[in-house]
Every structure is written in structure tokens, then in C-alpha cells.
N, C-alpha and C. Protein backbone atom coordinates (compact mmCIF):
# COMPACT_ATOMS: atom_id res chain seq x y z
N MET A 1 -74.88 43.38 3.74
CA MET A 1 -74.92 44.23 4.81
C MET A 1 -76.24 45.14 5.23
N ARG A 2 -76.84 45.36 4.04
CA ARG A 2 -78.21 45.75 4.31
C ARG A 2 -79.28 44.72 4.91
N HIS A 3 -79.20 43.37 4.73
CA HIS A 3 -79.95 42.48 5.32
C HIS A 3 -79.25 42.36 6.80
N LEU A 4 -78.14 42.34 7.22
CA LEU A 4 -77.59 42.31 8.19
C LEU A 4 -78.42 43.38 9.37
N ILE A 5 -78.63 44.71 8.77
CA ILE A 5 -79.19 45.90 9.52
C ILE A 5 -80.90 45.45 9.70
N VAL A 6 -81.20 45.12 8.66
CA VAL A 6 -82.86 44.67 8.80
C VAL A 6 -83.09 43.64 9.52
N LEU A 7 -82.06 42.74 9.62
CA LEU A 7 -82.26 41.32 10.76
C LEU A 7 -81.86 42.03 11.96
N SER A 8 -81.02 42.58 12.23
CA SER A 8 -80.71 43.03 13.68
C SER A 8 -81.92 44.15 14.25
N ALA A 9 -82.46 44.79 13.36
CA ALA A 9 -83.70 45.71 13.80
C ALA A 9 -84.76 44.97 14.07
N LEU A 10 -85.09 43.80 13.28
CA LEU A 10 -86.01 42.70 13.69
C LEU A 10 -86.07 42.21 14.99
N VAL A 11 -84.88 41.55 15.05
CA VAL A 11 -84.44 41.00 16.65
C VAL A 11 -84.49 42.07 17.87
N ALA A 12 -83.94 43.17 17.48
CA ALA A 12 -84.24 44.20 18.44
C ALA A 12 -85.63 44.16 19.18
N ALA A 13 -86.43 44.59 17.95
CA ALA A 13 -87.77 44.87 18.11
C ALA A 13 -88.62 43.64 18.90
N LEU A 14 -88.29 42.41 18.31
CA LEU A 14 -88.91 41.52 18.87
C LEU A 14 -88.42 41.13 20.45
N ALA A 15 -87.20 41.28 20.72
CA ALA A 15 -86.61 41.41 22.18
C ALA A 15 -87.29 42.47 22.82
N VAL A 16 -87.44 43.62 22.60
CA VAL A 16 -88.05 44.76 23.37
C VAL A 16 -89.63 44.41 23.45
N ALA A 17 -90.49 44.05 22.58
CA ALA A 17 -91.63 43.54 22.76
C ALA A 17 -91.99 42.33 23.84
N GLY A 18 -90.95 41.19 23.85
CA GLY A 18 -91.24 40.48 24.83
C GLY A 18 -90.75 40.83 26.04
N THR A 19 -89.75 41.72 26.26
CA THR A 19 -89.42 42.33 27.65
C THR A 19 -90.69 43.46 28.10
N ALA A 20 -91.60 43.84 27.40
CA ALA A 20 -92.54 44.96 27.57
C ALA A 20 -93.46 44.07 28.11
N SER A 21 -93.84 42.96 27.40
CA SER A 21 -95.08 42.05 27.93
C SER A 21 -94.91 41.45 29.09
N ALA A 22 -93.49 41.08 29.55
CA ALA A 22 -93.18 40.21 30.79
C ALA A 22 -93.66 40.69 31.97
N GLY A 23 -93.88 42.30 32.08
CA GLY A 23 -94.59 42.55 33.49
C GLY A 23 -96.15 42.40 33.42
N GLY A 24 -96.79 41.76 32.39
CA GLY A 24 -98.32 41.61 32.34
C GLY A 24 -99.05 40.51 32.72
N TRP A 25 -98.53 40.20 34.02
CA TRP A 25 -99.07 38.87 34.63
C TRP A 25 -99.49 39.26 35.91
N ALA A 26 -100.50 38.61 36.70
CA ALA A 26 -100.98 38.65 38.36
C ALA A 26 -101.53 37.36 38.71
N THR A 27 -101.34 37.32 39.83
CA THR A 27 -102.04 36.08 40.55
C THR A 27 -103.33 36.58 40.92
N VAL A 28 -104.43 35.56 40.71
CA VAL A 28 -105.62 35.87 41.29
C VAL A 28 -106.14 34.88 42.61
N GLY A 29 -106.61 35.11 43.52
CA GLY A 29 -106.78 34.35 44.84
C GLY A 29 -108.43 34.69 45.08
N VAL A 30 -108.98 33.59 45.99
CA VAL A 30 -110.30 34.02 46.68
C VAL A 30 -110.21 33.45 48.00
N SER A 31 -110.96 34.50 48.72
CA SER A 31 -110.90 33.82 50.07
C SER A 31 -111.73 32.60 50.46
N SER A 32 -112.77 32.25 49.81
CA SER A 32 -113.59 31.07 50.03
C SER A 32 -114.16 30.78 48.73
N LEU A 33 -114.80 29.46 49.06
CA LEU A 33 -115.25 28.70 47.56
C LEU A 33 -116.84 28.74 48.24
N PRO A 34 -117.71 28.40 47.14
CA PRO A 34 -119.15 28.54 47.45
C PRO A 34 -119.56 27.20 47.99
N THR A 35 -119.08 26.93 49.23
CA THR A 35 -119.96 25.44 49.53
C THR A 35 -120.76 25.64 50.40
N GLY A 36 -121.46 24.96 50.72
CA GLY A 36 -122.97 24.73 51.57
C GLY A 36 -123.93 25.80 51.04
N LEU A 37 -123.98 26.35 49.83
CA LEU A 37 -125.13 27.15 49.42
C LEU A 37 -126.01 26.63 48.81
N GLY A 38 -127.21 27.11 48.86
CA GLY A 38 -128.40 26.69 48.11
C GLY A 38 -128.72 27.74 46.88
N PRO A 39 -129.77 27.31 45.84
CA PRO A 39 -130.06 28.07 45.03
C PRO A 39 -130.56 29.57 45.66
N GLY A 40 -130.19 30.63 45.01
CA GLY A 40 -130.45 31.90 45.62
C GLY A 40 -129.58 32.52 46.48
N ASP A 41 -128.82 31.56 47.09
CA ASP A 41 -127.72 32.37 48.35
C ASP A 41 -126.97 32.92 47.44
N THR A 42 -126.13 33.95 48.60
CA THR A 42 -125.22 34.92 47.78
C THR A 42 -123.98 34.14 48.24
N TRP A 43 -123.21 34.22 47.35
CA TRP A 43 -121.82 34.01 47.91
C TRP A 43 -120.90 35.36 47.63
N ASN A 44 -120.14 35.50 48.67
CA ASN A 44 -119.16 36.86 48.84
C ASN A 44 -118.02 36.77 48.75
N PRO A 45 -117.24 36.13 47.60
CA PRO A 45 -116.00 36.06 47.61
C PRO A 45 -114.92 37.44 47.86
N GLU A 46 -114.09 37.25 48.45
CA GLU A 46 -112.97 38.41 48.44
C GLU A 46 -111.99 37.91 47.40
N ILE A 47 -111.86 38.81 46.50
CA ILE A 47 -110.68 38.41 45.50
C ILE A 47 -109.59 39.45 45.76
N LYS A 48 -108.19 38.71 45.70
CA LYS A 48 -107.17 39.39 45.94
C LYS A 48 -106.22 39.15 44.62
N ILE A 49 -105.67 40.39 44.07
CA ILE A 49 -105.09 40.39 42.89
C ILE A 49 -103.59 40.89 43.03
N LEU A 50 -102.74 40.39 42.68
CA LEU A 50 -101.43 40.89 43.13
C LEU A 50 -100.31 40.49 41.82
N GLN A 51 -99.89 41.62 41.16
CA GLN A 51 -99.06 41.59 40.27
C GLN A 51 -97.50 40.93 40.55
N HIS A 52 -97.27 40.06 39.89
CA HIS A 52 -96.38 39.16 39.98
C HIS A 52 -96.15 38.41 41.20
N GLY A 53 -97.52 38.36 41.77
CA GLY A 53 -97.83 37.42 42.97
C GLY A 53 -97.31 38.52 44.37
N MET A 54 -96.85 39.75 44.00
CA MET A 54 -96.51 40.35 45.27
C MET A 54 -97.34 41.74 45.55
N THR A 55 -97.60 42.65 44.29
CA THR A 55 -97.76 44.00 44.39
C THR A 55 -99.29 43.85 44.35
N PRO A 56 -100.04 44.57 45.25
CA PRO A 56 -101.77 44.54 45.39
C PRO A 56 -101.85 45.31 44.04
N LEU A 57 -102.86 45.05 43.13
CA LEU A 57 -103.28 45.74 41.91
C LEU A 57 -104.48 46.46 42.24
N GLY A 58 -104.42 47.84 42.30
CA GLY A 58 -105.84 48.71 42.22
C GLY A 58 -106.35 48.99 40.82
N GLY A 59 -107.76 49.40 40.99
CA GLY A 59 -108.12 50.00 39.87
C GLY A 59 -108.48 49.13 38.64
N LEU A 60 -108.98 47.98 39.15
CA LEU A 60 -109.20 46.96 38.14
C LEU A 60 -110.72 46.77 38.14
N THR A 61 -111.27 45.91 37.08
CA THR A 61 -112.68 45.80 37.41
C THR A 61 -112.88 44.01 37.21
N PRO A 62 -112.46 43.08 38.19
CA PRO A 62 -112.40 41.81 38.27
C PRO A 62 -114.23 41.38 37.78
N VAL A 63 -114.31 40.28 37.28
CA VAL A 63 -115.58 39.85 36.84
C VAL A 63 -115.66 38.09 37.46
N VAL A 64 -116.73 37.93 37.97
CA VAL A 64 -116.85 36.39 38.32
C VAL A 64 -117.83 35.85 37.36
N THR A 65 -117.58 34.73 36.78
CA THR A 65 -118.36 34.29 35.73
C THR A 65 -118.79 32.83 36.30
N ILE A 66 -120.05 32.58 36.34
CA ILE A 66 -120.35 31.02 36.88
C ILE A 66 -121.20 30.60 35.84
N ARG A 67 -120.66 29.28 35.28
CA ARG A 67 -121.36 28.47 34.34
C ARG A 67 -122.05 27.17 34.87
N ASP A 68 -123.03 26.92 34.33
CA ASP A 68 -124.01 25.70 34.84
C ASP A 68 -123.30 24.73 33.95
N SER A 69 -122.73 23.55 34.46
CA SER A 69 -121.99 22.25 33.86
C SER A 69 -123.29 21.76 33.08
N GLY A 70 -124.49 21.61 33.60
CA GLY A 70 -125.31 20.86 32.65
C GLY A 70 -125.82 21.42 31.53
N SER A 71 -126.39 22.72 31.60
CA SER A 71 -127.26 23.65 30.87
C SER A 71 -126.01 24.14 29.82
N GLY A 72 -124.99 24.84 30.60
CA GLY A 72 -123.95 25.75 29.85
C GLY A 72 -124.48 27.40 30.02
N ASP A 73 -125.49 27.66 30.60
CA ASP A 73 -126.05 28.97 31.14
C ASP A 73 -124.70 29.40 31.89
N ALA A 74 -124.59 30.82 31.68
CA ALA A 74 -123.63 31.55 32.41
C ALA A 74 -124.11 32.81 32.90
N GLN A 75 -123.55 33.27 34.04
CA GLN A 75 -123.86 34.51 34.60
C GLN A 75 -122.60 35.12 34.97
N GLN A 76 -122.78 36.55 34.87
CA GLN A 76 -121.31 37.35 35.20
C GLN A 76 -121.83 38.51 36.24
N PHE A 77 -120.85 38.39 37.30
CA PHE A 77 -120.80 39.53 38.31
C PHE A 77 -119.61 40.20 38.29
N ILE A 78 -119.83 41.65 38.59
CA ILE A 78 -118.75 42.45 38.70
C ILE A 78 -118.26 42.67 39.92
N ALA A 79 -117.09 42.77 40.23
CA ALA A 79 -116.49 42.74 41.51
C ALA A 79 -116.10 44.43 41.83
N VAL A 80 -116.16 44.83 43.11
CA VAL A 80 -115.85 46.01 43.15
C VAL A 80 -114.60 46.10 44.22
N GLU A 81 -113.88 47.38 44.19
CA GLU A 81 -112.81 47.32 44.71
C GLU A 81 -113.01 47.87 46.32
N THR A 82 -112.57 47.31 47.21
CA THR A 82 -112.76 47.69 48.91
C THR A 82 -111.73 48.81 49.03
N VAL A 83 -111.80 49.15 50.31
CA VAL A 83 -110.87 50.43 50.51
C VAL A 83 -109.41 49.82 50.52
N GLU A 84 -109.00 48.63 50.60
CA GLU A 84 -107.56 47.95 50.59
C GLU A 84 -107.59 47.75 49.06
N THR A 85 -106.58 48.33 48.64
CA THR A 85 -105.74 48.17 47.23
C THR A 85 -105.70 46.68 47.17
N GLY A 86 -106.13 46.07 45.92
CA GLY A 86 -105.90 44.92 45.27
C GLY A 86 -106.97 43.84 45.91
N ILE A 87 -107.84 44.63 46.71
CA ILE A 87 -108.94 43.60 47.59
C ILE A 87 -110.09 43.89 46.68
N TYR A 88 -110.93 42.81 46.16
CA TYR A 88 -112.32 43.07 45.69
C TYR A 88 -113.13 42.28 46.07
N GLU A 89 -114.76 42.68 46.08
CA GLU A 89 -115.48 41.86 46.59
C GLU A 89 -116.93 41.78 45.50
N ALA A 90 -117.45 40.34 45.52
CA ALA A 90 -118.58 40.42 44.55
C ALA A 90 -119.62 39.66 45.21
N ASP A 91 -120.76 39.91 44.84
CA ASP A 91 -121.90 39.38 45.14
C ASP A 91 -122.61 38.53 44.07
N VAL A 92 -122.29 37.06 44.18
CA VAL A 92 -122.30 35.98 43.25
C VAL A 92 -123.90 35.29 43.85
N VAL A 93 -124.80 35.16 43.10
CA VAL A 93 -125.95 34.48 43.36
C VAL A 93 -126.07 33.34 42.30
N PHE A 94 -126.05 32.10 42.64
CA PHE A 94 -126.42 30.93 42.12
C PHE A 94 -127.79 30.73 41.86
N PRO A 95 -128.42 30.57 40.41
CA PRO A 95 -130.02 30.93 40.46
C PRO A 95 -130.49 29.48 40.59
N SER A 96 -129.93 28.37 40.73
CA SER A 96 -130.09 27.04 40.65
C SER A 96 -129.43 25.92 41.28
N ALA A 97 -129.76 24.89 41.51
CA ALA A 97 -128.95 23.76 42.08
C ALA A 97 -128.27 23.10 40.84
N GLY A 98 -127.03 22.57 41.22
CA GLY A 98 -126.30 22.04 40.06
C GLY A 98 -125.03 22.25 40.31
N GLU A 99 -124.10 21.69 39.25
CA GLU A 99 -122.85 21.64 39.37
C GLU A 99 -122.44 23.02 38.53
N TRP A 100 -121.62 23.89 39.19
CA TRP A 100 -121.22 25.18 38.60
C TRP A 100 -119.64 25.42 38.60
N ASN A 101 -119.25 26.10 37.36
CA ASN A 101 -117.87 26.14 37.10
C ASN A 101 -117.71 27.62 37.47
N VAL A 102 -116.51 28.01 37.94
CA VAL A 102 -116.32 29.34 38.25
C VAL A 102 -114.93 30.03 37.85
N VAL A 103 -115.23 31.09 37.04
CA VAL A 103 -113.84 31.78 36.53
C VAL A 103 -113.82 33.05 37.01
N VAL A 104 -112.66 33.56 37.58
CA VAL A 104 -112.68 35.03 38.14
C VAL A 104 -111.32 35.40 37.53
N ASP A 105 -112.03 36.25 36.51
CA ASP A 105 -110.98 37.23 35.46
C ASP A 105 -110.67 38.23 36.11
N SER A 106 -109.18 38.69 36.21
CA SER A 106 -108.69 39.85 37.20
C SER A 106 -108.97 41.28 36.63
N GLY A 107 -109.32 41.14 35.07
CA GLY A 107 -109.19 42.59 34.57
C GLY A 107 -107.93 43.28 34.21
N PHE A 108 -106.79 42.24 34.21
CA PHE A 108 -105.47 42.49 34.37
C PHE A 108 -104.82 41.48 33.46
N GLY A 109 -104.81 41.77 31.95
CA GLY A 109 -104.32 40.69 31.04
C GLY A 109 -105.14 39.53 31.09
N ASP A 110 -104.23 38.56 31.33
CA ASP A 110 -104.84 37.05 31.10
C ASP A 110 -105.16 36.45 32.21
N SER A 111 -104.83 37.36 33.26
CA SER A 111 -104.92 36.52 34.68
C SER A 111 -105.98 36.23 35.28
N ARG A 112 -106.23 35.07 35.28
CA ARG A 112 -107.43 34.43 35.71
C ARG A 112 -107.43 33.21 36.55
N LEU A 113 -108.55 32.90 37.52
CA LEU A 113 -108.58 31.55 38.14
C LEU A 113 -109.77 31.05 37.78
N THR A 114 -109.69 29.48 37.67
CA THR A 114 -110.50 28.85 37.18
C THR A 114 -110.91 27.91 38.25
N PHE A 115 -111.97 27.37 38.79
CA PHE A 115 -111.99 26.07 39.54
C PHE A 115 -113.69 25.56 39.27
N GLY A 116 -113.63 24.54 39.93
CA GLY A 116 -115.02 24.08 39.74
C GLY A 116 -115.20 22.62 39.15
N PRO A 117 -116.08 21.82 39.19
CA PRO A 117 -117.45 22.25 39.34
C PRO A 117 -117.59 22.26 40.88
N GLU A 118 -118.48 23.50 41.29
CA GLU A 118 -118.84 23.45 42.77
C GLU A 118 -120.16 22.96 42.80
N THR A 119 -120.86 22.22 43.83
CA THR A 119 -121.97 21.82 43.98
C THR A 119 -122.94 22.82 44.65
N ILE A 120 -123.98 23.19 43.96
CA ILE A 120 -125.16 24.02 44.67
C ILE A 120 -126.32 23.07 44.88
N ALA A 121 -126.41 22.63 46.00
CA ALA A 121 -127.34 21.75 46.38
C ALA A 121 -128.88 22.45 46.73
N ASP A 122 -130.05 21.72 46.44
CA ASP A 122 -131.35 22.32 47.01
C ASP A 122 -131.26 21.89 48.47
N SER A 123 -131.75 23.03 49.21
CA SER A 123 -131.96 23.21 50.44
C SER A 123 -132.83 22.36 50.96
N PRO A 124 -132.81 21.58 52.21
CA PRO A 124 -133.86 20.82 52.94
C PRO A 124 -135.19 21.62 53.07
N GLY A 125 -134.85 22.81 53.66
CA GLY A 125 -135.76 23.91 53.92
C GLY A 125 -136.55 23.38 55.17
N GLY A 126 -137.08 24.39 55.67
CA GLY A 126 -138.14 24.11 57.09
C GLY A 126 -137.48 23.37 58.07
N GLY A 127 -136.61 22.97 58.01
CA GLY A 127 -135.79 22.19 59.35
C GLY A 127 -136.06 20.84 59.61
N GLY A 128 -136.53 20.16 58.67
CA GLY A 128 -136.97 18.81 58.67
C GLY A 128 -138.40 18.47 58.74
N THR A 129 -138.83 17.23 59.00
CA THR A 129 -140.24 16.91 58.86
C THR A 129 -140.22 16.30 60.40
N PHE A 130 -141.91 16.13 60.61
CA PHE A 130 -141.94 15.67 62.15
C PHE A 130 -141.75 14.20 62.09
N GLU A 131 -141.66 13.58 60.75
CA GLU A 131 -141.76 11.97 60.58
C GLU A 131 -140.33 11.74 61.05
N SER A 132 -139.55 12.77 60.79
CA SER A 132 -137.78 12.44 61.15
C SER A 132 -137.52 12.33 62.70
N PHE A 133 -138.23 12.87 63.27
CA PHE A 133 -138.41 13.07 65.00
C PHE A 133 -138.71 11.57 65.25
N PRO A 134 -137.28 10.98 66.16
CA PRO A 134 -137.36 9.58 66.70
C PRO A 134 -138.46 9.36 67.83
N VAL A 135 -139.87 9.58 67.68
CA VAL A 135 -140.83 9.35 68.61
C VAL A 135 -140.99 7.94 69.21
N LEU A 136 -140.61 6.99 68.42
CA LEU A 136 -140.98 5.73 68.74
C LEU A 136 -139.91 5.23 69.79
N PRO A 137 -138.38 5.24 69.67
CA PRO A 137 -137.60 5.18 70.28
C PRO A 137 -137.48 5.63 71.82
N LEU A 138 -138.06 7.35 71.57
CA LEU A 138 -138.01 7.95 72.88
C LEU A 138 -139.29 7.44 73.73
N ALA A 139 -140.28 6.91 73.41
CA ALA A 139 -141.38 6.06 74.11
C ALA A 139 -140.95 5.07 74.78
N LEU A 140 -140.18 4.20 73.89
CA LEU A 140 -139.72 3.03 74.59
C LEU A 140 -138.92 3.43 75.55
N VAL A 141 -138.05 4.10 75.38
CA VAL A 141 -137.08 4.51 76.60
C VAL A 141 -137.76 4.95 77.99
N ALA A 142 -138.70 5.68 77.35
CA ALA A 142 -139.71 6.45 78.74
C ALA A 142 -140.36 5.39 79.64
N LEU A 143 -140.85 4.48 78.78
CA LEU A 143 -141.85 3.12 79.06
C LEU A 143 -140.73 2.60 79.98
N VAL A 144 -139.62 1.97 79.62
CA VAL A 144 -138.54 1.00 80.30
C VAL A 144 -138.28 1.90 81.53
N ALA A 145 -138.06 3.46 81.68
CA ALA A 145 -137.46 3.93 82.79
C ALA A 145 -138.81 4.03 83.63
N ALA A 146 -140.16 4.05 83.41
CA ALA A 146 -141.26 4.17 84.38
C ALA A 146 -141.22 2.49 84.91
N LEU A 147 -140.95 1.55 84.10
CA LEU A 147 -141.21 0.25 84.62
C LEU A 147 -140.37 0.09 85.78
N LEU A 148 -138.98 0.81 85.51
CA LEU A 148 -137.93 0.30 86.39
C LEU A 148 -138.33 1.18 87.73
N ALA A 149 -138.58 2.39 87.75
CA ALA A 149 -139.22 3.28 88.79
C ALA A 149 -140.03 2.54 89.62
N ALA A 150 -141.17 1.79 89.15
CA ALA A 150 -142.41 1.29 89.56
C ALA A 150 -141.88 -0.36 90.38
N ALA A 151 -140.95 -0.92 89.56
CA ALA A 151 -140.38 -2.06 90.08
C ALA A 151 -139.47 -1.57 91.52
N THR A 152 -138.71 -0.66 91.38
CA THR A 152 -137.68 -0.37 92.38
C THR A 152 -138.66 -0.01 93.60
N LEU A 153 -139.75 1.04 93.43
CA LEU A 153 -140.72 1.29 94.38
C LEU A 153 -141.30 0.21 95.15
N GLY A 154 -142.12 -0.72 94.40
CA GLY A 154 -142.85 -1.86 94.96
C GLY A 154 -141.79 -2.84 95.74
N ALA A 155 -140.72 -2.76 95.37
CA ALA A 155 -139.49 -3.72 96.15
C ALA A 155 -139.45 -3.00 97.47
N ARG A 156 -139.44 -1.84 97.28
CA ARG A 156 -139.04 -1.23 98.85
C ARG A 156 -139.91 -1.66 99.73
N ARG A 157 -141.35 -1.16 99.07
CA ARG A 157 -142.67 -1.38 100.04
C ARG A 157 -142.74 -2.55 100.58
N ARG A 158 -142.39 -3.63 99.87
CA ARG A 158 -142.61 -4.92 100.15
C ARG A 158 -141.62 -5.57 101.34
N TRP A 159 -140.26 -4.70 101.12
CA TRP A 159 -139.25 -5.34 102.09
C TRP A 159 -139.15 -4.59 103.44
N ARG A 160 -139.74 -4.79 104.56
CA ARG A 160 -139.89 -4.08 105.67
C ARG A 160 -139.07 -5.12 106.57
N PRO A 161 -138.00 -4.55 107.41
CA PRO A 161 -137.31 -5.20 108.31
C PRO A 161 -138.21 -5.49 109.53
N THR A 162 -138.14 -6.70 109.95
CA THR A 162 -139.21 -7.21 110.86
C THR A 162 -138.28 -7.13 112.32
N ALA A 163 -139.02 -6.88 113.49
CA ALA A 163 -138.17 -6.95 114.74
C ALA A 163 -137.67 -8.48 115.12
N LEU A 164 -136.62 -8.60 115.63
CA LEU A 164 -136.34 -9.73 115.98
C LEU A 164 -136.73 -10.28 117.29
N PRO A 165 -137.32 -11.40 117.20
CA PRO A 165 -137.53 -11.91 118.91
C PRO A 165 -136.78 -11.77 120.14
N ARG A 166 -137.46 -11.29 120.92
CA ARG A 166 -136.50 -11.53 122.13
C ARG A 166 -136.35 -12.50 123.04
């Protein structure tokens, strides 16, 4: 009988612990991905945290961690809550070009969002070079247009209707 009471108490304790921890999850979403960014550019994700995928969670401190896939170097950026409950914003700066993995930790239990690698490419800078401008094709088009115009004007001047004999 004594063993039965101890066993019942143990089962009850485990059941209560499982029920108490059942509400400790949330969904994490971001408004945008860091596409089209170069080194030193700032990515401003809007992070939405919803308990049970429904109720906005305020008062948290989400952290965005970026990790270089090549070197393993990591940086963390703390997100701040906006005026809207459950919405947070971060200013994430990618320090160099490369492949970066991103983890958004909600600050609520083990709820996090992991994605990547995202490519941060070197920007071409300066809007291109003069060599990339198609000078030769444009010059040829202009030359052909000028020759056609000259030929048309020359043909018009040579052709003059003559008066018919009476």
C-alpha cells in the first residue's frame, strides 16, 4: 500500500510538470530576409513572436545571431520591442561578404527561428565602369543612320521631275 501511494504521488507530480510546461512555446517570424545586402549594410528585420502561434508576446528580449558559415565567427544583435505588442526590431549589420546562418531567439523558452545560409555579396560599387558602356555598338548605329540619311537626301536631289514636251 505504501508503494502504491508513493507511485501515485510520483505519477501526479510528473503529470503536473508536463501540463505546466505545455504552455511554454511560441512561434517566431521575420518580415524579411537579408537579400541583396552587401558588407556593412544594415538588415532591419521585424520580428513577430506569438505564444501558441496566436497571442502576441511582449516584454521579451529577442536576440538575432549571425554566424559566418566559413569562419564560424558570430555576432549577436538585441531586438527592441516596438509600440505594437509582440513586434520587435533589430539592426543587424553583416560585417563581411560570405554565407551567413541566422538564428532569431525569441527570449521565450526554446522558441527560435533558424535559417540560412544567406549570401552577403560584395557590392560592385560606383555604378560600373566606363568599359561596360557599349560605345562601339552605339557608334556603329549612329554611322549607319547618318549614311542612310545622306543616301536619302542625295537620291532626292538627283531625282527631279522634268517637264513633259508639248
